[in-house]
Amino acid sequence: MTNPTILITGANRGIGLELTRQFVEDGWRVLACCRNPAHADDLQALAERKPAIEIHALEVTDYEQMASLAAALGDRPIDILLSNAGIYGPSGVTFGKVDAEEWRRVLEVNTIAPLMLAQAFVEQVAASQHKLIAVISSKVGSIADNSSGGSYLYRSSKTAVNQVVKCLAIDLAERGISAISLHPGWVKTDMGGPGAEISTDTSVSGLRSILQSAGPAQSGRFIEYDGSSIPW
């Protein structure tokens, strides 16, 4: 039996790199995508030790490159398509100081690119056994949970991608494909900072468990790394 396959964007550091490590240790084949493989030293070192990791160049907002990668992979099944790459944008932006171009850049990476990824690789996902599309979102995208305001760029991009995931769950159900949004927690990464609550290992252990077990019953849900549901 062929080992299951996961495609991960932003696999060169932080959560993406730890996802790559844990999935390959668990017997999966990993299509690890990042913008500049030549500069992804940690990912390259991991791939040297683990031949089940394939590194592919992918800038998630370069949709021609995305289409070319999908074509190059051909009819290879992808059990889990995981959109992990994301950006926060400038920090400390308050009302009255939002820059429209920066906002568009954040929306492009965090909201538009995950949908384009799903469109590009849907046939490979449909050909797999697991049939799951997942997006690393954030709890700050929850409208019900927003009690502090601010963070307009990042919040809005995650709220919007949650809607994308909900639509995918509905539109792709007839093909047997599930779609979920995931909150990784406040993680000690370059984005989360050293004062964050949990390690990448803790976050990814929870995310991996969810990803490997998720199916139609979980499709269309917003799920925290510990398995609990988050209100939209």
Protein backbone atom coordinates (compact mmCIF):
# COMPACT_ATOMS: atom_id res chain seq x y z
CA MET A 1 0.00 0.00 0.00
CA THR A 2 1.33 3.44 -0.95
CA ASN A 3 2.03 5.79 1.93
CA PRO A 4 -0.43 8.70 2.20
CA THR A 5 0.71 12.09 0.94
CA ILE A 6 0.36 15.59 2.39
CA LEU A 7 1.24 18.84 0.60
CA ILE A 8 2.25 21.64 2.98
CA THR A 9 2.87 25.26 2.00
CA GLY A 10 5.25 27.39 4.04
CA ALA A 11 7.13 24.24 5.05
CA ASN A 12 10.51 25.87 5.62
CA ARG A 13 10.05 27.09 9.19
CA GLY A 14 7.84 27.23 12.27
CA ILE A 15 4.61 25.26 12.17
CA GLY A 16 5.14 24.18 8.56
CA LEU A 17 8.56 22.71 9.27
CA GLU A 18 7.32 20.89 12.38
CA LEU A 19 4.33 19.55 10.44
CA THR A 20 6.73 18.24 7.83
CA ARG A 21 8.86 16.57 10.49
CA GLN A 22 5.98 14.96 12.36
CA PHE A 23 4.15 13.70 9.27
CA VAL A 24 7.25 12.12 7.75
CA GLU A 25 8.06 10.49 11.10
CA ASP A 26 4.54 9.08 11.04
CA GLY A 27 5.12 7.40 7.68
CA TRP A 28 3.68 10.00 5.33
CA ARG A 29 5.17 11.30 2.11
CA VAL A 30 5.46 15.08 2.35
CA LEU A 31 5.41 17.52 -0.54
CA ALA A 32 7.10 20.39 1.29
CA CYS A 33 6.61 23.71 -0.48
CA CYS A 34 8.34 27.02 0.20
CA ARG A 35 9.33 30.16 -1.67
CA ASN A 36 13.09 29.68 -1.73
CA PRO A 37 14.19 26.05 -1.26
CA ALA A 38 17.85 27.00 -1.71
CA HIS A 39 17.66 29.11 1.46
CA ALA A 40 15.54 26.66 3.47
CA ASP A 41 18.46 25.21 5.40
CA ASP A 42 16.47 23.43 8.12
CA LEU A 43 14.08 21.90 5.62
CA GLN A 44 16.91 20.80 3.36
CA ALA A 45 18.70 19.18 6.31
CA LEU A 46 15.54 17.32 7.28
CA ALA A 47 14.97 16.14 3.69
CA GLU A 48 18.52 14.80 3.53
CA ARG A 49 17.69 12.50 6.44
CA LYS A 50 14.16 11.69 5.29
CA PRO A 51 13.84 10.74 1.61
CA ALA A 52 10.03 10.75 1.86
CA ILE A 53 10.22 14.55 1.84
CA GLU A 54 10.08 16.22 -1.57
CA ILE A 55 10.88 19.93 -1.61
CA HIS A 56 9.13 22.09 -4.19
CA ALA A 57 9.45 25.79 -4.90
CA LEU A 58 6.13 27.56 -4.48
CA GLU A 59 5.35 31.21 -3.91
CA VAL A 60 1.67 30.87 -2.98
CA THR A 61 0.67 34.11 -4.74
CA ASP A 62 2.36 33.04 -7.99
CA TYR A 63 -0.59 31.24 -9.53
CA GLU A 64 1.25 30.31 -12.73
CA GLN A 65 3.90 28.57 -10.64
CA MET A 66 1.14 26.88 -8.65
CA ALA A 67 -0.51 25.59 -11.82
CA SER A 68 2.84 24.37 -13.12
CA LEU A 69 3.47 22.42 -9.92
CA ALA A 70 0.01 20.85 -10.09
CA ALA A 71 0.67 19.83 -13.69
CA ALA A 72 4.10 18.43 -12.79
CA LEU A 73 2.59 16.28 -10.03
CA GLY A 74 0.10 14.93 -12.55
CA ASP A 75 -2.32 12.35 -11.20
CA ARG A 76 -0.46 11.72 -7.93
CA PRO A 77 -3.03 11.58 -5.11
CA ILE A 78 -2.74 14.17 -2.33
CA ASP A 79 -4.53 12.97 0.80
CA ILE A 80 -4.21 16.27 2.67
CA LEU A 81 -3.78 19.65 1.01
CA LEU A 82 -2.65 21.97 3.81
CA SER A 83 -2.48 25.72 3.28
CA ASN A 84 -0.09 26.81 6.02
CA ALA A 85 1.78 29.76 4.49
CA GLY A 86 0.60 33.08 5.89
CA ILE A 87 1.69 36.56 6.90
CA TYR A 88 0.66 38.92 9.68
CA GLY A 89 1.45 42.19 7.95
CA PRO A 90 2.67 45.27 9.82
CA SER A 91 2.06 45.07 13.56
CA GLY A 92 0.56 47.72 15.77
CA VAL A 93 -1.71 49.11 13.06
CA THR A 94 -4.62 50.93 14.68
CA PHE A 95 -7.80 52.45 13.31
CA GLY A 96 -7.01 55.42 11.10
CA LYS A 97 -3.61 54.05 10.12
CA VAL A 98 -4.52 51.09 7.92
CA ASP A 99 -2.60 51.08 4.64
CA ALA A 100 -4.72 49.72 1.78
CA GLU A 101 -1.80 48.19 -0.12
CA GLU A 102 -0.54 46.32 2.94
CA TRP A 103 -4.08 45.07 3.56
CA ARG A 104 -4.31 43.78 -0.01
CA ARG A 105 -0.99 41.97 0.43
CA VAL A 106 -2.19 40.21 3.59
CA LEU A 107 -5.49 39.26 1.96
CA GLU A 108 -3.65 37.91 -1.10
CA VAL A 109 -1.50 35.53 0.95
CA ASN A 110 -3.95 34.55 3.68
CA THR A 111 -7.28 34.47 1.86
CA ILE A 112 -6.96 34.33 -1.92
CA ALA A 113 -3.98 31.97 -2.14
CA PRO A 114 -5.63 29.14 -0.12
CA LEU A 115 -8.59 29.12 -2.48
CA MET A 116 -6.34 29.17 -5.53
CA LEU A 117 -4.38 26.28 -4.01
CA ALA A 118 -7.58 24.28 -3.58
CA GLN A 119 -8.60 24.97 -7.17
CA ALA A 120 -5.17 24.00 -8.49
CA PHE A 121 -4.90 20.67 -6.64
CA VAL A 122 -8.53 19.56 -6.28
CA GLU A 123 -8.13 16.69 -8.74
CA GLN A 124 -5.18 15.22 -6.82
CA VAL A 125 -7.15 15.52 -3.58
CA ALA A 126 -10.20 13.90 -5.14
CA ALA A 127 -8.03 10.98 -6.30
CA SER A 128 -6.77 10.28 -2.76
CA GLN A 129 -8.08 8.15 0.07
CA HIS A 130 -8.29 10.84 2.76
CA LYS A 131 -9.63 13.72 0.63
CA LEU A 132 -9.00 16.65 2.96
CA ILE A 133 -8.33 20.34 2.34
CA ALA A 134 -7.22 22.26 5.43
CA VAL A 135 -6.20 25.84 6.16
CA ILE A 136 -4.18 27.11 9.09
CA SER A 137 -6.40 29.97 10.20
CA SER A 138 -6.43 31.79 13.54
CA LYS A 139 -8.83 32.29 16.42
CA VAL A 140 -8.53 36.04 15.88
CA GLY A 141 -10.58 35.47 12.73
CA SER A 142 -13.57 34.43 14.84
CA ILE A 143 -16.17 37.20 14.84
CA ALA A 144 -17.87 35.77 17.93
CA ASP A 145 -14.56 35.68 19.82
CA ASN A 146 -13.48 39.24 18.97
CA SER A 147 -13.63 41.28 22.18
CA SER A 148 -10.56 43.48 21.70
CA GLY A 149 -10.81 44.91 18.16
CA GLY A 150 -7.72 46.01 16.24
CA SER A 151 -5.46 43.84 14.06
CA TYR A 152 -7.66 44.75 11.10
CA LEU A 153 -5.46 43.26 8.39
CA TYR A 154 -4.77 39.86 9.90
CA ARG A 155 -8.18 39.44 11.54
CA SER A 156 -10.10 40.20 8.36
CA SER A 157 -7.93 37.89 6.26
CA LYS A 158 -8.55 34.97 8.61
CA THR A 159 -12.27 35.70 8.88
CA ALA A 160 -12.44 35.71 5.09
CA VAL A 161 -10.50 32.46 4.66
CA ASN A 162 -12.83 30.80 7.17
CA GLN A 163 -15.68 31.66 4.82
CA VAL A 164 -13.67 30.18 1.94
CA VAL A 165 -13.28 26.94 3.89
CA LYS A 166 -16.99 26.81 4.71
CA CYS A 167 -17.82 27.22 1.02
CA LEU A 168 -15.33 24.52 0.04
CA ALA A 169 -16.92 22.15 2.53
CA ILE A 170 -20.28 22.65 0.84
CA ASP A 171 -19.15 22.82 -2.78
CA LEU A 172 -16.83 19.79 -2.66
CA ALA A 173 -18.95 17.51 -0.48
CA GLU A 174 -20.38 15.68 -3.49
CA ARG A 175 -16.83 14.71 -4.46
CA GLY A 176 -16.19 13.31 -1.00
CA ILE A 177 -13.74 16.10 -0.12
CA SER A 178 -13.78 17.60 3.37
CA ALA A 179 -12.53 21.08 4.30
CA ILE A 180 -11.59 22.45 7.72
CA SER A 181 -10.09 25.58 9.30
CA LEU A 182 -7.53 25.09 12.06
CA HIS A 183 -6.35 27.32 14.88
CA PRO A 184 -2.82 26.29 15.90
CA GLY A 185 -2.86 28.16 19.20
CA TRP A 186 -0.51 30.97 20.16
CA VAL A 187 2.73 29.29 19.13
CA LYS A 188 6.37 30.17 19.78
CA THR A 189 7.36 30.90 16.17
CA ASP A 190 8.73 33.93 14.33
CA MET A 191 5.15 35.19 14.03
CA GLY A 192 3.97 34.20 17.51
CA GLY A 193 7.07 35.46 19.29
CA PRO A 194 8.97 34.08 22.30
CA GLY A 195 6.20 35.02 24.73
CA ALA A 196 3.63 32.72 23.09
CA GLU A 197 1.82 30.06 25.11
CA ILE A 198 2.80 26.76 23.48
CA SER A 199 5.64 25.14 21.54
CA THR A 200 5.48 24.15 17.90
CA ASP A 201 5.68 20.51 18.98
CA THR A 202 2.58 20.82 21.17
CA SER A 203 0.63 22.69 18.51
CA VAL A 204 1.57 20.39 15.66
CA SER A 205 0.95 17.20 17.64
CA GLY A 206 -2.63 18.35 18.06
CA LEU A 207 -3.00 19.56 14.49
CA ARG A 208 -1.59 16.31 13.11
CA SER A 209 -4.09 14.26 15.10
CA ILE A 210 -6.98 16.34 13.76
CA LEU A 211 -5.73 16.25 10.18
CA GLN A 212 -5.27 12.50 10.17
CA SER A 213 -8.73 11.80 11.58
CA ALA A 214 -10.85 14.54 9.98
CA GLY A 215 -13.53 13.53 7.52
CA PRO A 216 -17.07 14.48 6.46
CA ALA A 217 -18.25 14.75 10.09
CA GLN A 218 -15.72 17.53 10.71
CA SER A 219 -16.05 19.25 7.33
CA GLY A 220 -16.94 22.92 7.53
CA ARG A 221 -15.74 23.27 11.13
CA PHE A 222 -13.29 25.68 12.75
CA ILE A 223 -11.15 23.56 15.08
CA GLU A 224 -8.53 24.42 17.71
CA TYR A 225 -5.34 22.35 17.93
CA ASP A 226 -6.74 20.61 21.03
CA GLY A 227 -9.78 19.40 19.10
CA SER A 228 -12.31 21.89 20.47
CA SER A 229 -14.64 23.82 18.17
CA ILE A 230 -14.29 27.58 17.70
CA PRO A 231 -17.34 29.74 16.86
CA TRP A 232 -17.22 31.45 13.49
